[in-house]
Structure formats: structure tokens, C-alpha cells
Amino acid sequence: MDIQPLHTKIDKTIQVNAGVIVLENSIGFPRDESNLYLIGSDRNIIWKAEKPDASTFFSRVKLNEDGKTFSAYTIHGHACELELKTGKLISFTSIQ
């Protein structure tokens, strides 16, 4: 599927059953939005990942082996675990 970025450029995509997880570059991305989101096969946004802090952006993402969660890291030093189905935060820690 050819995916167009919302605001900047796409740094990483991960194909999952529900669609494609997209991580956009944080430089120039609107602060009040999440730069990590899931696009469905109909090209609509299914969810935008919940951020642990409103002023941060995601910088890395990877699927977890359980198939139900994924891990993401932020530019402000948060290590996050999120639900794959909803993009909601399950937990996070600061790794500074």
C-alpha cells in the first residue's frame, strides 16, 4: 500500500493485520498530534498512538512477540508499551 505522510516524512512502517503502523519524522510535526499512527486498508487512520507526555514525539517503534502490543520510544526518553488494537498506552517509564 502506498502511504502518504500526514505532515512530514515517513521514517518507518510496519505491516500488521489491521493495516500499517506509520512513524513520521518529528521535525516539523505539529506538537499537539501523535507522529505514530495506524492506517487501515481503506487508507483511513484507525488510531493515533497515545503519548506519555503531550510535548514529546515518538522516535522508534517495534512489534512485540505477543502480537497484541508494541513498544515505542520517545525523543524525551520514554520507553512505552502500547496496545496494537487501540494505540493506547499500557505503561511507560523514563529512561534518562
C-alpha atoms as a PDB file:
ATOM      1  CA  MET A   1       0.000   0.000   0.000  1.00  0.00           C
ATOM      2  CA  ASP A   2       1.354   3.425  -0.956  1.00  0.00           C
ATOM      3  CA  ILE A   3       1.068   5.632   2.136  1.00  0.00           C
ATOM      4  CA  GLN A   4       1.333   9.401   2.132  1.00  0.00           C
ATOM      5  CA  PRO A   5       2.603  11.096   5.312  1.00  0.00           C
ATOM      6  CA  LEU A   6       0.277  13.433   7.198  1.00  0.00           C
ATOM      7  CA  HIS A   7       2.800  16.210   7.841  1.00  0.00           C
ATOM      8  CA  THR A   8       6.484  15.341   7.395  1.00  0.00           C
ATOM      9  CA  LYS A   9       8.185  12.221   6.036  1.00  0.00           C
ATOM     10  CA  ILE A  10       7.742   8.573   6.941  1.00  0.00           C
ATOM     11  CA  ASP A  11      10.642   7.151   8.967  1.00  0.00           C
ATOM     12  CA  LYS A  12       9.266   3.617   9.405  1.00  0.00           C
ATOM     13  CA  THR A  13       6.275   1.452   8.516  1.00  0.00           C
ATOM     14  CA  ILE A  14       5.273  -1.916   9.975  1.00  0.00           C
ATOM     15  CA  GLN A  15       2.657  -4.099   8.260  1.00  0.00           C
ATOM     16  CA  VAL A  16       0.168  -5.657  10.711  1.00  0.00           C
ATOM     17  CA  ASN A  17      -3.152  -7.466  10.211  1.00  0.00           C
ATOM     18  CA  ALA A  18      -5.172  -4.295  10.821  1.00  0.00           C
ATOM     19  CA  GLY A  19      -3.132  -2.146   8.409  1.00  0.00           C
ATOM     20  CA  VAL A  20       0.196  -0.314   8.571  1.00  0.00           C
ATOM     21  CA  ILE A  21       1.784   1.333  11.599  1.00  0.00           C
ATOM     22  CA  VAL A  22       3.401   4.588  10.469  1.00  0.00           C
ATOM     23  CA  LEU A  23       6.120   6.520  12.299  1.00  0.00           C
ATOM     24  CA  GLU A  24       6.597  10.002  10.868  1.00  0.00           C
ATOM     25  CA  ASN A  25       9.662  12.159  11.407  1.00  0.00           C
ATOM     26  CA  SER A  26       9.150  14.512  14.345  1.00  0.00           C
ATOM     27  CA  ILE A  27      10.918  17.528  12.812  1.00  0.00           C
ATOM     28  CA  GLY A  28       8.167  19.941  11.778  1.00  0.00           C
ATOM     29  CA  PHE A  29       5.368  17.667  13.039  1.00  0.00           C
ATOM     30  CA  PRO A  30       2.537  19.510  14.895  1.00  0.00           C
ATOM     31  CA  ARG A  31       3.139  19.317  18.673  1.00  0.00           C
ATOM     32  CA  ASP A  32      -0.472  18.582  19.541  1.00  0.00           C
ATOM     33  CA  GLU A  33      -0.585  15.412  17.402  1.00  0.00           C
ATOM     34  CA  SER A  34       0.974  11.966  17.601  1.00  0.00           C
ATOM     35  CA  ASN A  35       3.529  11.123  14.914  1.00  0.00           C
ATOM     36  CA  LEU A  36       2.792   7.394  15.334  1.00  0.00           C
ATOM     37  CA  TYR A  37      -0.458   6.051  13.900  1.00  0.00           C
ATOM     38  CA  LEU A  38      -2.192   3.099  12.243  1.00  0.00           C
ATOM     39  CA  ILE A  39      -3.565   3.350   8.704  1.00  0.00           C
ATOM     40  CA  GLY A  40      -6.210   0.788   7.722  1.00  0.00           C
ATOM     41  CA  SER A  41      -6.500  -0.938   4.347  1.00  0.00           C
ATOM     42  CA  ASP A  42      -9.093   1.722   3.389  1.00  0.00           C
ATOM     43  CA  ARG A  43      -6.307   4.336   3.937  1.00  0.00           C
ATOM     44  CA  ASN A  44      -8.128   5.899   6.892  1.00  0.00           C
ATOM     45  CA  ILE A  45      -6.463   6.465  10.254  1.00  0.00           C
ATOM     46  CA  ILE A  46      -7.605   3.830  12.756  1.00  0.00           C
ATOM     47  CA  TRP A  47      -5.772   5.344  15.734  1.00  0.00           C
ATOM     48  CA  LYS A  48      -3.042   7.781  16.720  1.00  0.00           C
ATOM     49  CA  ALA A  49      -0.766   6.472  19.467  1.00  0.00           C
ATOM     50  CA  GLU A  50      -1.278   7.945  22.915  1.00  0.00           C
ATOM     51  CA  LYS A  51       1.777   9.937  24.003  1.00  0.00           C
ATOM     52  CA  PRO A  52       3.155   9.697  27.573  1.00  0.00           C
ATOM     53  CA  ASP A  53       3.778  13.458  27.529  1.00  0.00           C
ATOM     54  CA  ALA A  54       1.986  15.992  25.330  1.00  0.00           C
ATOM     55  CA  SER A  55       5.248  17.717  24.377  1.00  0.00           C
ATOM     56  CA  THR A  56       7.109  14.661  23.075  1.00  0.00           C
ATOM     57  CA  PHE A  57       7.229  12.658  19.850  1.00  0.00           C
ATOM     58  CA  PHE A  58       7.922   9.014  19.111  1.00  0.00           C
ATOM     59  CA  SER A  59      11.330   8.155  17.682  1.00  0.00           C
ATOM     60  CA  ARG A  60      11.339   4.339  17.423  1.00  0.00           C
ATOM     61  CA  VAL A  61       8.746   1.570  17.219  1.00  0.00           C
ATOM     62  CA  LYS A  62       8.794  -2.236  17.195  1.00  0.00           C
ATOM     63  CA  LEU A  63       6.243  -5.033  17.432  1.00  0.00           C
ATOM     64  CA  ASN A  64       6.274  -7.255  20.495  1.00  0.00           C
ATOM     65  CA  GLU A  65       6.233 -11.044  20.193  1.00  0.00           C
ATOM     66  CA  ASP A  66       2.803 -11.397  21.843  1.00  0.00           C
ATOM     67  CA  GLY A  67       1.136  -9.929  18.727  1.00  0.00           C
ATOM     68  CA  LYS A  68      -1.112  -7.714  20.865  1.00  0.00           C
ATOM     69  CA  THR A  69       1.281  -4.943  21.884  1.00  0.00           C
ATOM     70  CA  PHE A  70       4.119  -2.858  20.519  1.00  0.00           C
ATOM     71  CA  SER A  71       6.950  -0.874  22.040  1.00  0.00           C
ATOM     72  CA  ALA A  72       7.829   2.704  21.203  1.00  0.00           C
ATOM     73  CA  TYR A  73      10.410   5.191  22.409  1.00  0.00           C
ATOM     74  CA  THR A  74      10.173   8.977  22.550  1.00  0.00           C
ATOM     75  CA  ILE A  75      12.632  11.794  21.968  1.00  0.00           C
ATOM     76  CA  HIS A  76      12.300  12.718  25.669  1.00  0.00           C
ATOM     77  CA  GLY A  77      13.441   9.310  26.940  1.00  0.00           C
ATOM     78  CA  HIS A  78      10.211   7.383  27.483  1.00  0.00           C
ATOM     79  CA  ALA A  79      10.016   3.637  26.854  1.00  0.00           C
ATOM     80  CA  CYS A  80       6.367   2.822  26.155  1.00  0.00           C
ATOM     81  CA  GLU A  81       4.234  -0.282  25.745  1.00  0.00           C
ATOM     82  CA  LEU A  82       1.033   0.253  23.758  1.00  0.00           C
ATOM     83  CA  GLU A  83      -1.981  -1.808  22.637  1.00  0.00           C
ATOM     84  CA  LEU A  84      -1.831  -2.735  18.966  1.00  0.00           C
ATOM     85  CA  LYS A  85      -5.633  -2.689  18.641  1.00  0.00           C
ATOM     86  CA  THR A  86      -6.150   0.842  20.020  1.00  0.00           C
ATOM     87  CA  GLY A  87      -2.807   2.677  20.218  1.00  0.00           C
ATOM     88  CA  LYS A  88      -3.447   3.324  23.926  1.00  0.00           C
ATOM     89  CA  LEU A  89      -0.605   3.400  26.439  1.00  0.00           C
ATOM     90  CA  ILE A  90      -0.389   0.332  28.653  1.00  0.00           C
ATOM     91  CA  SER A  91       2.689   1.535  30.528  1.00  0.00           C
ATOM     92  CA  PHE A  92       5.763   3.725  30.202  1.00  0.00           C
ATOM     93  CA  THR A  93       8.962   4.528  32.056  1.00  0.00           C
ATOM     94  CA  SER A  94      11.512   7.301  31.758  1.00  0.00           C
ATOM     95  CA  ILE A  95      14.926   6.009  30.688  1.00  0.00           C
ATOM     96  CA  GLN A  96      17.020   9.144  31.123  1.00  0.00           C
END
